[in-house]
PDB file of N, CA and C in Angstrom:
ATOM      1  N   MET A   1      -5.801  -2.738 -13.664  1.00  0.00           N
ATOM      2  CA  MET A   1      -5.390  -2.098 -12.435  1.00  0.00           C
ATOM      3  C   MET A   1      -6.580  -1.359 -11.850  1.00  0.00           C
ATOM      4  N   ALA A   2      -6.811  -1.562 -10.570  1.00  0.00           N
ATOM      5  CA  ALA A   2      -7.901  -0.883  -9.880  1.00  0.00           C
ATOM      6  C   ALA A   2      -7.344   0.207  -8.983  1.00  0.00           C
ATOM      7  N   ALA A   3      -8.127   1.244  -8.796  1.00  0.00           N
ATOM      8  CA  ALA A   3      -7.713   2.331  -7.910  1.00  0.00           C
ATOM      9  C   ALA A   3      -8.162   2.026  -6.490  1.00  0.00           C
ATOM     10  N   ILE A   4      -7.302   2.270  -5.532  1.00  0.00           N
ATOM     11  CA  ILE A   4      -7.614   2.082  -4.123  1.00  0.00           C
ATOM     12  C   ILE A   4      -8.066   3.421  -3.581  1.00  0.00           C
ATOM     13  N   THR A   5      -9.198   3.434  -2.904  1.00  0.00           N
ATOM     14  CA  THR A   5      -9.612   4.681  -2.275  1.00  0.00           C
ATOM     15  C   THR A   5      -8.759   4.903  -1.035  1.00  0.00           C
ATOM     16  N   ASN A   6      -8.518   6.158  -0.718  1.00  0.00           N
ATOM     17  CA  ASN A   6      -7.615   6.492   0.371  1.00  0.00           C
ATOM     18  C   ASN A   6      -8.235   6.125   1.716  1.00  0.00           C
ATOM     19  N   PRO A   7      -7.609   5.203   2.446  1.00  0.00           N
ATOM     20  CA  PRO A   7      -8.157   4.776   3.736  1.00  0.00           C
ATOM     21  C   PRO A   7      -7.777   5.749   4.847  1.00  0.00           C
ATOM     22  N   GLY A   8      -8.207   5.446   6.040  1.00  0.00           N
ATOM     23  CA  GLY A   8      -7.789   6.232   7.201  1.00  0.00           C
ATOM     24  C   GLY A   8      -6.285   6.158   7.357  1.00  0.00           C
ATOM     25  N   THR A   9      -5.680   7.267   7.716  1.00  0.00           N
ATOM     26  CA  THR A   9      -4.227   7.322   7.804  1.00  0.00           C
ATOM     27  C   THR A   9      -3.794   7.970   9.105  1.00  0.00           C
ATOM     28  N   SER A  10      -2.545   7.755   9.440  1.00  0.00           N
ATOM     29  CA  SER A  10      -1.931   8.510  10.526  1.00  0.00           C
ATOM     30  C   SER A  10      -0.538   8.911  10.079  1.00  0.00           C
ATOM     31  N   VAL A  11      -0.101  10.094  10.488  1.00  0.00           N
ATOM     32  CA  VAL A  11       1.210  10.618  10.094  1.00  0.00           C
ATOM     33  C   VAL A  11       2.004  10.913  11.351  1.00  0.00           C
ATOM     34  N   THR A  12       3.243  10.446  11.379  1.00  0.00           N
ATOM     35  CA  THR A  12       4.172  10.754  12.453  1.00  0.00           C
ATOM     36  C   THR A  12       5.309  11.564  11.861  1.00  0.00           C
ATOM     37  N   GLU A  13       5.595  12.724  12.421  1.00  0.00           N
ATOM     38  CA  GLU A  13       6.676  13.555  11.917  1.00  0.00           C
ATOM     39  C   GLU A  13       7.916  13.361  12.767  1.00  0.00           C
ATOM     40  N   PHE A  14       9.055  13.185  12.109  1.00  0.00           N
ATOM     41  CA  PHE A  14      10.335  13.072  12.788  1.00  0.00           C
ATOM     42  C   PHE A  14      11.012  14.433  12.781  1.00  0.00           C
ATOM     43  N   SER A  15      12.071  14.581  13.550  1.00  0.00           N
ATOM     44  CA  SER A  15      12.811  15.836  13.483  1.00  0.00           C
ATOM     45  C   SER A  15      13.392  15.957  12.078  1.00  0.00           C
ATOM     46  N   GLY A  16      13.392  17.117  11.561  1.00  0.00           N
ATOM     47  CA  GLY A  16      13.800  17.300  10.172  1.00  0.00           C
ATOM     48  C   GLY A  16      12.581  17.244   9.276  1.00  0.00           C
ATOM     49  N   GLU A  17      12.753  16.743   8.073  1.00  0.00           N
ATOM     50  CA  GLU A  17      11.673  16.801   7.104  1.00  0.00           C
ATOM     51  C   GLU A  17      10.977  15.474   6.831  1.00  0.00           C
ATOM     52  N   TYR A  18      11.387  14.383   7.459  1.00  0.00           N
ATOM     53  CA  TYR A  18      10.815  13.073   7.154  1.00  0.00           C
ATOM     54  C   TYR A  18       9.564  12.773   7.966  1.00  0.00           C
ATOM     55  N   LYS A  19       8.656  12.033   7.337  1.00  0.00           N
ATOM     56  CA  LYS A  19       7.396  11.651   7.964  1.00  0.00           C
ATOM     57  C   LYS A  19       7.165  10.162   7.731  1.00  0.00           C
ATOM     58  N   LEU A  20       6.428   9.549   8.643  1.00  0.00           N
ATOM     59  CA  LEU A  20       6.038   8.158   8.522  1.00  0.00           C
ATOM     60  C   LEU A  20       4.522   8.127   8.412  1.00  0.00           C
ATOM     61  N   LEU A  21       4.030   7.606   7.314  1.00  0.00           N
ATOM     62  CA  LEU A  21       2.596   7.558   7.039  1.00  0.00           C
ATOM     63  C   LEU A  21       2.142   6.108   7.121  1.00  0.00           C
ATOM     64  N   SER A  22       1.110   5.858   7.904  1.00  0.00           N
ATOM     65  CA  SER A  22       0.562   4.513   8.048  1.00  0.00           C
ATOM     66  C   SER A  22      -0.795   4.465   7.362  1.00  0.00           C
ATOM     67  N   LEU A  23      -0.934   3.594   6.371  1.00  0.00           N
ATOM     68  CA  LEU A  23      -2.193   3.395   5.651  1.00  0.00           C
ATOM     69  C   LEU A  23      -2.686   2.002   6.018  1.00  0.00           C
ATOM     70  N   ASN A  24      -3.827   1.933   6.678  1.00  0.00           N
ATOM     71  CA  ASN A  24      -4.279   0.667   7.238  1.00  0.00           C
ATOM     72  C   ASN A  24      -5.512   0.107   6.547  1.00  0.00           C
ATOM     73  N   SER A  25      -5.564  -1.213   6.498  1.00  0.00           N
ATOM     74  CA  SER A  25      -6.728  -1.965   6.024  1.00  0.00           C
ATOM     75  C   SER A  25      -7.136  -1.629   4.596  1.00  0.00           C
ATOM     76  N   LEU A  26      -6.166  -1.576   3.701  1.00  0.00           N
ATOM     77  CA  LEU A  26      -6.470  -1.386   2.282  1.00  0.00           C
ATOM     78  C   LEU A  26      -7.126  -2.652   1.746  1.00  0.00           C
ATOM     79  N   SER A  27      -8.190  -2.487   1.004  1.00  0.00           N
ATOM     80  CA  SER A  27      -8.833  -3.614   0.330  1.00  0.00           C
ATOM     81  C   SER A  27      -8.416  -3.608  -1.127  1.00  0.00           C
ATOM     82  N   LEU A  28      -7.827  -4.691  -1.575  1.00  0.00           N
ATOM     83  CA  LEU A  28      -7.400  -4.809  -2.968  1.00  0.00           C
ATOM     84  C   LEU A  28      -8.492  -5.494  -3.771  1.00  0.00           C
ATOM     85  N   SER A  29      -8.530  -5.202  -5.070  1.00  0.00           N
ATOM     86  CA  SER A  29      -9.555  -5.813  -5.912  1.00  0.00           C
ATOM     87  C   SER A  29      -8.990  -6.440  -7.178  1.00  0.00           C
ATOM     88  N   SER A  30      -7.684  -6.330  -7.381  1.00  0.00           N
ATOM     89  CA  SER A  30      -7.065  -6.961  -8.548  1.00  0.00           C
ATOM     90  C   SER A  30      -5.612  -7.262  -8.220  1.00  0.00           C
ATOM     91  N   ALA A  31      -4.929  -7.956  -9.116  1.00  0.00           N
ATOM     92  CA  ALA A  31      -3.536  -8.335  -8.888  1.00  0.00           C
ATOM     93  C   ALA A  31      -2.594  -7.139  -8.940  1.00  0.00           C
ATOM     94  N   SER A  32      -3.062  -5.998  -9.439  1.00  0.00           N
ATOM     95  CA  SER A  32      -2.262  -4.780  -9.471  1.00  0.00           C
ATOM     96  C   SER A  32      -3.188  -3.602  -9.194  1.00  0.00           C
ATOM     97  N   ASP A  33      -3.048  -3.021  -8.008  1.00  0.00           N
ATOM     98  CA  ASP A  33      -3.884  -1.902  -7.595  1.00  0.00           C
ATOM     99  C   ASP A  33      -3.018  -0.684  -7.326  1.00  0.00           C
ATOM    100  N   ALA A  34      -3.593   0.499  -7.498  1.00  0.00           N
ATOM    101  CA  ALA A  34      -2.825   1.733  -7.310  1.00  0.00           C
ATOM    102  C   ALA A  34      -3.503   2.649  -6.306  1.00  0.00           C
ATOM    103  N   LEU A  35      -2.674   3.381  -5.575  1.00  0.00           N
ATOM    104  CA  LEU A  35      -3.122   4.367  -4.609  1.00  0.00           C
ATOM    105  C   LEU A  35      -2.339   5.644  -4.872  1.00  0.00           C
ATOM    106  N   THR A  36      -3.038   6.757  -5.041  1.00  0.00           N
ATOM    107  CA  THR A  36      -2.379   8.038  -5.270  1.00  0.00           C
ATOM    108  C   THR A  36      -2.483   8.886  -4.013  1.00  0.00           C
ATOM    109  N   LEU A  37      -1.323   9.278  -3.488  1.00  0.00           N
ATOM    110  CA  LEU A  37      -1.277  10.141  -2.316  1.00  0.00           C
ATOM    111  C   LEU A  37      -1.297  11.601  -2.756  1.00  0.00           C
ATOM    112  N   SER A  38      -1.642  12.481  -1.844  1.00  0.00           N
ATOM    113  CA  SER A  38      -1.574  13.921  -2.121  1.00  0.00           C
ATOM    114  C   SER A  38      -1.123  14.625  -0.855  1.00  0.00           C
ATOM    115  N   TYR A  39      -0.486  15.760  -1.013  1.00  0.00           N
ATOM    116  CA  TYR A  39      -0.038  16.512   0.153  1.00  0.00           C
ATOM    117  C   TYR A  39      -1.235  16.972   0.983  1.00  0.00           C
ATOM    118  N   ALA A  40      -2.297  17.363   0.319  1.00  0.00           N
ATOM    119  CA  ALA A  40      -3.475  17.853   1.039  1.00  0.00           C
ATOM    120  C   ALA A  40      -4.061  16.779   1.954  1.00  0.00           C
ATOM    121  N   ASP A  41      -4.094  15.541   1.501  1.00  0.00           N
ATOM    122  CA  ASP A  41      -4.682  14.459   2.294  1.00  0.00           C
ATOM    123  C   ASP A  41      -3.678  13.749   3.186  1.00  0.00           C
ATOM    124  N   ASN A  42      -2.441  13.615   2.728  1.00  0.00           N
ATOM    125  CA  ASN A  42      -1.473  12.744   3.403  1.00  0.00           C
ATOM    126  C   ASN A  42      -0.258  13.457   3.979  1.00  0.00           C
ATOM    127  N   LYS A  43      -0.093  14.747   3.696  1.00  0.00           N
ATOM    128  CA  LYS A  43       1.030  15.547   4.222  1.00  0.00           C
ATOM    129  C   LYS A  43       2.393  15.036   3.761  1.00  0.00           C
ATOM    130  N   ILE A  44       2.412  14.406   2.586  1.00  0.00           N
ATOM    131  CA  ILE A  44       3.663  13.926   1.995  1.00  0.00           C
ATOM    132  C   ILE A  44       3.726  14.427   0.554  1.00  0.00           C
ATOM    133  N   SER A  45       4.862  15.006   0.184  1.00  0.00           N
ATOM    134  CA  SER A  45       5.026  15.480  -1.186  1.00  0.00           C
ATOM    135  C   SER A  45       6.048  14.649  -1.968  1.00  0.00           C
ATOM    136  N   GLU A  46       6.747  13.758  -1.270  1.00  0.00           N
ATOM    137  CA  GLU A  46       7.754  12.908  -1.917  1.00  0.00           C
ATOM    138  C   GLU A  46       7.865  11.601  -1.145  1.00  0.00           C
ATOM    139  N   ILE A  47       7.790  10.483  -1.849  1.00  0.00           N
ATOM    140  CA  ILE A  47       7.922   9.168  -1.216  1.00  0.00           C
ATOM    141  C   ILE A  47       9.384   8.743  -1.269  1.00  0.00           C
ATOM    142  N   GLN A  48       9.881   8.280  -0.125  1.00  0.00           N
ATOM    143  CA  GLN A  48      11.239   7.748  -0.044  1.00  0.00           C
ATOM    144  C   GLN A  48      11.245   6.221  -0.091  1.00  0.00           C
ATOM    145  N   ASN A  49      10.266   5.585   0.579  1.00  0.00           N
ATOM    146  CA  ASN A  49      10.199   4.126   0.610  1.00  0.00           C
ATOM    147  C   ASN A  49       8.799   3.699   1.032  1.00  0.00           C
ATOM    148  N   VAL A  50       8.415   2.475   0.636  1.00  0.00           N
ATOM    149  CA  VAL A  50       7.117   1.903   0.989  1.00  0.00           C
ATOM    150  C   VAL A  50       7.329   0.465   1.432  1.00  0.00           C
ATOM    151  N   VAL A  51       6.715   0.101   2.559  1.00  0.00           N
ATOM    152  CA  VAL A  51       6.732  -1.269   3.048  1.00  0.00           C
ATOM    153  C   VAL A  51       5.287  -1.734   3.148  1.00  0.00           C
ATOM    154  N   ALA A  52       5.004  -2.936   2.642  1.00  0.00           N
ATOM    155  CA  ALA A  52       3.642  -3.465   2.680  1.00  0.00           C
ATOM    156  C   ALA A  52       3.619  -4.784   3.427  1.00  0.00           C
ATOM    157  N   CYS A  53       2.511  -5.031   4.116  1.00  0.00           N
ATOM    158  CA  CYS A  53       2.316  -6.332   4.752  1.00  0.00           C
ATOM    159  C   CYS A  53       0.840  -6.702   4.665  1.00  0.00           C
ATOM    160  N   ILE A  54       0.583  -7.990   4.660  1.00  0.00           N
ATOM    161  CA  ILE A  54      -0.788  -8.482   4.640  1.00  0.00           C
ATOM    162  C   ILE A  54      -1.290  -8.480   6.079  1.00  0.00           C
ATOM    163  N   GLN A  55      -2.353  -7.738   6.313  1.00  0.00           N
ATOM    164  CA  GLN A  55      -2.918  -7.632   7.652  1.00  0.00           C
ATOM    165  C   GLN A  55      -3.756  -8.861   7.980  1.00  0.00           C
ATOM    166  N   GLY A  56      -4.472  -9.361   7.002  1.00  0.00           N
ATOM    167  CA  GLY A  56      -5.320 -10.523   7.239  1.00  0.00           C
ATOM    168  C   GLY A  56      -5.732 -11.174   5.946  1.00  0.00           C
ATOM    169  N   GLY A  57      -5.972 -12.473   5.995  1.00  0.00           N
ATOM    170  CA  GLY A  57      -6.485 -13.185   4.840  1.00  0.00           C
ATOM    171  C   GLY A  57      -5.444 -13.813   3.943  1.00  0.00           C
ATOM    172  N   ALA A  58      -4.195 -13.886   4.390  1.00  0.00           N
ATOM    173  CA  ALA A  58      -3.168 -14.523   3.554  1.00  0.00           C
ATOM    174  C   ALA A  58      -3.485 -16.003   3.400  1.00  0.00           C
ATOM    175  N   ASP A  59      -3.351 -16.483   2.175  1.00  0.00           N
ATOM    176  CA  ASP A  59      -3.547 -17.899   1.892  1.00  0.00           C
ATOM    177  C   ASP A  59      -2.810 -18.235   0.605  1.00  0.00           C
ATOM    178  N   GLY A  60      -2.997 -19.412   0.086  1.00  0.00           N
ATOM    179  CA  GLY A  60      -2.288 -19.828  -1.119  1.00  0.00           C
ATOM    180  C   GLY A  60      -2.606 -18.995  -2.350  1.00  0.00           C
ATOM    181  N   ASP A  61      -3.804 -18.410  -2.395  1.00  0.00           N
ATOM    182  CA  ASP A  61      -4.193 -17.581  -3.538  1.00  0.00           C
ATOM    183  C   ASP A  61      -3.826 -16.113  -3.369  1.00  0.00           C
ATOM    184  N   PHE A  62      -3.431 -15.736  -2.155  1.00  0.00           N
ATOM    185  CA  PHE A  62      -3.047 -14.348  -1.853  1.00  0.00           C
ATOM    186  C   PHE A  62      -1.939 -14.420  -0.812  1.00  0.00           C
ATOM    187  N   ALA A  63      -0.693 -14.573  -1.280  1.00  0.00           N
ATOM    188  CA  ALA A  63       0.409 -14.896  -0.372  1.00  0.00           C
ATOM    189  C   ALA A  63       1.382 -13.747  -0.126  1.00  0.00           C
ATOM    190  N   THR A  64       1.611 -12.901  -1.116  1.00  0.00           N
ATOM    191  CA  THR A  64       2.559 -11.801  -0.940  1.00  0.00           C
ATOM    192  C   THR A  64       2.036 -10.536  -1.616  1.00  0.00           C
ATOM    193  N   VAL A  65       2.522  -9.400  -1.127  1.00  0.00           N
ATOM    194  CA  VAL A  65       2.234  -8.114  -1.759  1.00  0.00           C
ATOM    195  C   VAL A  65       3.560  -7.396  -1.970  1.00  0.00           C
ATOM    196  N   VAL A  66       3.696  -6.767  -3.124  1.00  0.00           N
ATOM    197  CA  VAL A  66       4.935  -6.075  -3.474  1.00  0.00           C
ATOM    198  C   VAL A  66       4.582  -4.634  -3.861  1.00  0.00           C
ATOM    199  N   PRO A  67       5.017  -3.648  -3.052  1.00  0.00           N
ATOM    200  CA  PRO A  67       4.729  -2.261  -3.404  1.00  0.00           C
ATOM    201  C   PRO A  67       5.851  -1.650  -4.244  1.00  0.00           C
ATOM    202  N   THR A  68       5.482  -0.840  -5.202  1.00  0.00           N
ATOM    203  CA  THR A  68       6.422  -0.010  -5.951  1.00  0.00           C
ATOM    204  C   THR A  68       5.820   1.392  -5.987  1.00  0.00           C
ATOM    205  N   PHE A  69       6.648   2.385  -6.286  1.00  0.00           N
ATOM    206  CA  PHE A  69       6.118   3.746  -6.333  1.00  0.00           C
ATOM    207  C   PHE A  69       6.826   4.559  -7.397  1.00  0.00           C
ATOM    208  N   SER A  70       6.092   5.537  -7.891  1.00  0.00           N
ATOM    209  CA  SER A  70       6.607   6.519  -8.835  1.00  0.00           C
ATOM    210  C   SER A  70       5.893   7.824  -8.514  1.00  0.00           C
ATOM    211  N   GLY A  71       6.662   8.833  -8.155  1.00  0.00           N
ATOM    212  CA  GLY A  71       6.031  10.077  -7.715  1.00  0.00           C
ATOM    213  C   GLY A  71       5.235   9.808  -6.454  1.00  0.00           C
ATOM    214  N   LEU A  72       3.959  10.134  -6.462  1.00  0.00           N
ATOM    215  CA  LEU A  72       3.085   9.884  -5.316  1.00  0.00           C
ATOM    216  C   LEU A  72       2.107   8.743  -5.574  1.00  0.00           C
ATOM    217  N   VAL A  73       2.366   7.946  -6.599  1.00  0.00           N
ATOM    218  CA  VAL A  73       1.506   6.808  -6.923  1.00  0.00           C
ATOM    219  C   VAL A  73       2.179   5.527  -6.440  1.00  0.00           C
ATOM    220  N   ILE A  74       1.469   4.789  -5.597  1.00  0.00           N
ATOM    221  CA  ILE A  74       1.950   3.508  -5.088  1.00  0.00           C
ATOM    222  C   ILE A  74       1.170   2.405  -5.791  1.00  0.00           C
ATOM    223  N   THR A  75       1.881   1.466  -6.393  1.00  0.00           N
ATOM    224  CA  THR A  75       1.256   0.315  -7.025  1.00  0.00           C
ATOM    225  C   THR A  75       1.540  -0.909  -6.165  1.00  0.00           C
ATOM    226  N   ILE A  76       0.498  -1.662  -5.846  1.00  0.00           N
ATOM    227  CA  ILE A  76       0.634  -2.861  -5.040  1.00  0.00           C
ATOM    228  C   ILE A  76       0.317  -4.057  -5.921  1.00  0.00           C
ATOM    229  N   THR A  77       1.310  -4.911  -6.119  1.00  0.00           N
ATOM    230  CA  THR A  77       1.135  -6.131  -6.897  1.00  0.00           C
ATOM    231  C   THR A  77       0.988  -7.278  -5.909  1.00  0.00           C
ATOM    232  N   SER A  78      -0.059  -8.048  -6.061  1.00  0.00           N
ATOM    233  CA  SER A  78      -0.286  -9.176  -5.160  1.00  0.00           C
ATOM    234  C   SER A  78      -0.064 -10.478  -5.920  1.00  0.00           C
ATOM    235  N   LYS A  79       0.528 -11.450  -5.217  1.00  0.00           N
ATOM    236  CA  LYS A  79       0.887 -12.721  -5.846  1.00  0.00           C
ATOM    237  C   LYS A  79       0.386 -13.891  -5.015  1.00  0.00           C
ATOM    238  N   ASN A  80       0.214 -15.023  -5.683  1.00  0.00           N
ATOM    239  CA  ASN A  80      -0.179 -16.233  -4.962  1.00  0.00           C
ATOM    240  C   ASN A  80       1.073 -16.973  -4.497  1.00  0.00           C
ATOM    241  N   ALA A  81       0.889 -18.132  -3.909  1.00  0.00           N
ATOM    242  CA  ALA A  81       2.006 -18.877  -3.322  1.00  0.00           C
ATOM    243  C   ALA A  81       3.035 -19.327  -4.346  1.00  0.00           C
ATOM    244  N   THR A  82       2.651 -19.480  -5.620  1.00  0.00           N
ATOM    245  CA  THR A  82       3.601 -19.910  -6.648  1.00  0.00           C
ATOM    246  C   THR A  82       4.311 -18.742  -7.313  1.00  0.00           C
ATOM    247  N   GLY A  83       3.926 -17.499  -6.959  1.00  0.00           N
ATOM    248  CA  GLY A  83       4.548 -16.317  -7.542  1.00  0.00           C
ATOM    249  C   GLY A  83       3.786 -15.737  -8.713  1.00  0.00           C
ATOM    250  N   ALA A  84       2.701 -16.391  -9.111  1.00  0.00           N
ATOM    251  CA  ALA A  84       1.848 -15.861 -10.182  1.00  0.00           C
ATOM    252  C   ALA A  84       0.913 -14.797  -9.591  1.00  0.00           C
ATOM    253  N   ALA A  85       0.203 -14.090 -10.437  1.00  0.00           N
ATOM    254  CA  ALA A  85      -0.726 -13.056  -9.983  1.00  0.00           C
ATOM    255  C   ALA A  85      -1.787 -13.659  -9.067  1.00  0.00           C
ATOM    256  N   ALA A  86      -2.095 -12.950  -7.993  1.00  0.00           N
ATOM    257  CA  ALA A  86      -3.144 -13.400  -7.074  1.00  0.00           C
ATOM    258  C   ALA A  86      -4.470 -13.469  -7.805  1.00  0.00           C
ATOM    259  N   THR A  87      -5.326 -14.378  -7.355  1.00  0.00           N
ATOM    260  CA  THR A  87      -6.603 -14.580  -8.049  1.00  0.00           C
ATOM    261  C   THR A  87      -7.817 -14.318  -7.172  1.00  0.00           C
ATOM    262  N   THR A  88      -7.654 -14.264  -5.861  1.00  0.00           N
ATOM    263  CA  THR A  88      -8.781 -13.975  -4.978  1.00  0.00           C
ATOM    264  C   THR A  88      -8.443 -12.775  -4.098  1.00  0.00           C
ATOM    265  N   PHE A  89      -9.472 -11.966  -3.828  1.00  0.00           N
ATOM    266  CA  PHE A  89      -9.241 -10.731  -3.090  1.00  0.00           C
ATOM    267  C   PHE A  89     -10.257 -10.500  -1.976  1.00  0.00           C
ATOM    268  N   ASP A  90     -11.155 -11.455  -1.747  1.00  0.00           N
ATOM    269  CA  ASP A  90     -12.137 -11.320  -0.672  1.00  0.00           C
ATOM    270  C   ASP A  90     -11.460 -11.507   0.675  1.00  0.00           C
ATOM    271  N   ASP A  91     -11.853 -10.706   1.626  1.00  0.00           N
ATOM    272  CA  ASP A  91     -11.376 -10.818   3.008  1.00  0.00           C
ATOM    273  C   ASP A  91      -9.870 -10.679   3.154  1.00  0.00           C
ATOM    274  N   HIS A  92      -9.236  -9.926   2.271  1.00  0.00           N
ATOM    275  CA  HIS A  92      -7.809  -9.652   2.397  1.00  0.00           C
ATOM    276  C   HIS A  92      -7.629  -8.175   2.705  1.00  0.00           C
ATOM    277  N   ALA A  93      -6.690  -7.874   3.584  1.00  0.00           N
ATOM    278  CA  ALA A  93      -6.401  -6.480   3.926  1.00  0.00           C
ATOM    279  C   ALA A  93      -4.893  -6.283   3.956  1.00  0.00           C
ATOM    280  N   VAL A  94      -4.464  -5.121   3.480  1.00  0.00           N
ATOM    281  CA  VAL A  94      -3.041  -4.801   3.388  1.00  0.00           C
ATOM    282  C   VAL A  94      -2.777  -3.501   4.137  1.00  0.00           C
ATOM    283  N   ASN A  95      -1.668  -3.459   4.849  1.00  0.00           N
ATOM    284  CA  ASN A  95      -1.202  -2.232   5.505  1.00  0.00           C
ATOM    285  C   ASN A  95       0.037  -1.731   4.772  1.00  0.00           C
ATOM    286  N   LEU A  96       0.147  -0.414   4.634  1.00  0.00           N
ATOM    287  CA  LEU A  96       1.318   0.208   4.041  1.00  0.00           C
ATOM    288  C   LEU A  96       1.962   1.155   5.050  1.00  0.00           C
ATOM    289  N   ILE A  97       3.279   1.138   5.092  1.00  0.00           N
ATOM    290  CA  ILE A  97       4.053   2.136   5.821  1.00  0.00           C
ATOM    291  C   ILE A  97       4.837   2.913   4.769  1.00  0.00           C
ATOM    292  N   VAL A  98       4.647   4.216   4.725  1.00  0.00           N
ATOM    293  CA  VAL A  98       5.293   5.067   3.724  1.00  0.00           C
ATOM    294  C   VAL A  98       6.217   6.045   4.448  1.00  0.00           C
ATOM    295  N   VAL A  99       7.471   6.096   4.044  1.00  0.00           N
ATOM    296  CA  VAL A  99       8.410   7.091   4.543  1.00  0.00           C
ATOM    297  C   VAL A  99       8.528   8.144   3.458  1.00  0.00           C
ATOM    298  N   GLY A 100       8.347   9.387   3.830  1.00  0.00           N
ATOM    299  CA  GLY A 100       8.397  10.441   2.835  1.00  0.00           C
ATOM    300  C   GLY A 100       8.767  11.777   3.431  1.00  0.00           C
ATOM    301  N   LYS A 101       8.695  12.774   2.587  1.00  0.00           N
ATOM    302  CA  LYS A 101       8.982  14.152   2.993  1.00  0.00           C
ATOM    303  C   LYS A 101       7.720  14.976   2.824  1.00  0.00           C
TER     304      LYS A 101
END
């Protein structure tokens, strides 16, 4: 598992306590990468949900991304077209949308 450095972000606050955090152009380097958020950097202290999409570079060797989270750690698992672990990571970028408090 490789650590993802925190990319440029934007935060949108809704009425109440919920926020929408956009993490753009993440570069992955392995089939399972992790990103740790912090309140100081991201203004979120609790994750409610994470949605991931491939921004660019999807192909047979890098076809899907699946985000999971525990606490403030988001793990992104990338898979190839057959559902096995992705094997190439050059020129691929992933965007995350995080809903949190």
